[in-house]
């Protein structure tokens, strides 16, 4: 009644849980060369987060460098 799952099923479950954790808690990072001129386009943050630009403003998003 309290038997453990077979090893392959436990391993698969562990992989799925780790992948889900990474998806939920992942961070976006953009690499910016030092010599890039001020005001240059780096990435579409709103698109990468699947949000409308107004949603970023409403949520108080900010860029930290």
C-alpha atoms as a PDB file:
ATOM      1  CA  UNK A   1       0.000   0.000   0.000  1.00  0.00           C
ATOM      2  CA  UNK A   2       2.862   2.438   0.749  1.00  0.00           C
ATOM      3  CA  UNK A   3       5.185   1.085  -1.958  1.00  0.00           C
ATOM      4  CA  UNK A   4       7.489   3.452  -3.816  1.00  0.00           C
ATOM      5  CA  UNK A   5       7.156   3.991  -7.546  1.00  0.00           C
ATOM      6  CA  UNK A   6       9.585   2.124  -9.813  1.00  0.00           C
ATOM      7  CA  UNK A   7      12.863   3.978 -10.422  1.00  0.00           C
ATOM      8  CA  UNK A   8      12.150   4.984 -14.068  1.00  0.00           C
ATOM      9  CA  UNK A   9       8.832   6.567 -13.070  1.00  0.00           C
ATOM     10  CA  UNK A  10      10.455   8.437 -10.173  1.00  0.00           C
ATOM     11  CA  UNK A  11      13.212   9.709 -12.476  1.00  0.00           C
ATOM     12  CA  UNK A  12      10.683  10.896 -15.055  1.00  0.00           C
ATOM     13  CA  UNK A  13       8.598  12.613 -12.383  1.00  0.00           C
ATOM     14  CA  UNK A  14      11.720  14.324 -11.034  1.00  0.00           C
ATOM     15  CA  UNK A  15      12.667  15.589 -14.521  1.00  0.00           C
ATOM     16  CA  UNK A  16       9.171  16.920 -15.128  1.00  0.00           C
ATOM     17  CA  UNK A  17       9.114  18.722 -11.783  1.00  0.00           C
ATOM     18  CA  UNK A  18      12.553  20.281 -12.372  1.00  0.00           C
ATOM     19  CA  UNK A  19      11.513  21.452 -15.860  1.00  0.00           C
ATOM     20  CA  UNK A  20       8.308  22.955 -14.489  1.00  0.00           C
ATOM     21  CA  UNK A  21      10.237  24.699 -11.708  1.00  0.00           C
ATOM     22  CA  UNK A  22      12.671  26.208 -14.223  1.00  0.00           C
ATOM     23  CA  UNK A  23       9.803  27.382 -16.432  1.00  0.00           C
ATOM     24  CA  UNK A  24       8.034  29.083 -13.551  1.00  0.00           C
ATOM     25  CA  UNK A  25      11.048  30.614 -11.832  1.00  0.00           C
ATOM     26  CA  UNK A  26      13.250  31.289 -14.868  1.00  0.00           C
ATOM     27  CA  UNK A  27      14.806  34.676 -15.430  1.00  0.00           C
ATOM     28  CA  UNK A  28      15.281  36.554 -18.664  1.00  0.00           C
ATOM     29  CA  UNK A  29      18.787  37.794 -19.305  1.00  0.00           C
ATOM     30  CA  UNK A  30      19.972  39.927 -22.174  1.00  0.00           C
ATOM     31  CA  UNK A  31      23.633  40.245 -23.049  1.00  0.00           C
ATOM     32  CA  UNK A  32      24.630  43.806 -23.906  1.00  0.00           C
ATOM     33  CA  UNK A  33      28.119  44.634 -25.205  1.00  0.00           C
ATOM     34  CA  UNK A  34      29.813  47.511 -23.333  1.00  0.00           C
ATOM     35  CA  UNK A  35      30.368  49.496 -26.513  1.00  0.00           C
ATOM     36  CA  UNK A  36      26.691  49.447 -27.497  1.00  0.00           C
ATOM     37  CA  UNK A  37      25.486  53.046 -27.912  1.00  0.00           C
ATOM     38  CA  UNK A  38      23.094  54.430 -25.299  1.00  0.00           C
ATOM     39  CA  UNK A  39      19.454  53.918 -26.324  1.00  0.00           C
ATOM     40  CA  UNK A  40      20.177  50.833 -28.478  1.00  0.00           C
ATOM     41  CA  UNK A  41      17.526  48.110 -28.817  1.00  0.00           C
ATOM     42  CA  UNK A  42      18.407  45.015 -26.787  1.00  0.00           C
ATOM     43  CA  UNK A  43      15.299  42.832 -26.683  1.00  0.00           C
ATOM     44  CA  UNK A  44      11.520  42.836 -26.726  1.00  0.00           C
ATOM     45  CA  UNK A  45      10.867  42.265 -23.021  1.00  0.00           C
ATOM     46  CA  UNK A  46       7.082  42.484 -23.351  1.00  0.00           C
ATOM     47  CA  UNK A  47       7.061  39.864 -26.116  1.00  0.00           C
ATOM     48  CA  UNK A  48       9.429  37.564 -24.193  1.00  0.00           C
ATOM     49  CA  UNK A  49       7.119  37.740 -21.176  1.00  0.00           C
ATOM     50  CA  UNK A  50       4.005  37.322 -23.375  1.00  0.00           C
ATOM     51  CA  UNK A  51       2.603  40.647 -22.120  1.00  0.00           C
ATOM     52  CA  UNK A  52       1.346  43.815 -23.742  1.00  0.00           C
ATOM     53  CA  UNK A  53       3.658  46.816 -23.150  1.00  0.00           C
ATOM     54  CA  UNK A  54       0.893  48.538 -21.152  1.00  0.00           C
ATOM     55  CA  UNK A  55       0.813  45.543 -18.794  1.00  0.00           C
ATOM     56  CA  UNK A  56       4.502  46.069 -18.007  1.00  0.00           C
ATOM     57  CA  UNK A  57       3.831  49.700 -17.118  1.00  0.00           C
ATOM     58  CA  UNK A  58       0.748  48.808 -15.045  1.00  0.00           C
ATOM     59  CA  UNK A  59       2.733  46.196 -13.114  1.00  0.00           C
ATOM     60  CA  UNK A  60       5.536  48.647 -12.353  1.00  0.00           C
ATOM     61  CA  UNK A  61       8.190  46.815 -14.375  1.00  0.00           C
ATOM     62  CA  UNK A  62      11.604  48.418 -14.480  1.00  0.00           C
ATOM     63  CA  UNK A  63      14.924  47.686 -16.121  1.00  0.00           C
ATOM     64  CA  UNK A  64      17.958  47.354 -13.888  1.00  0.00           C
ATOM     65  CA  UNK A  65      21.448  47.516 -15.305  1.00  0.00           C
END
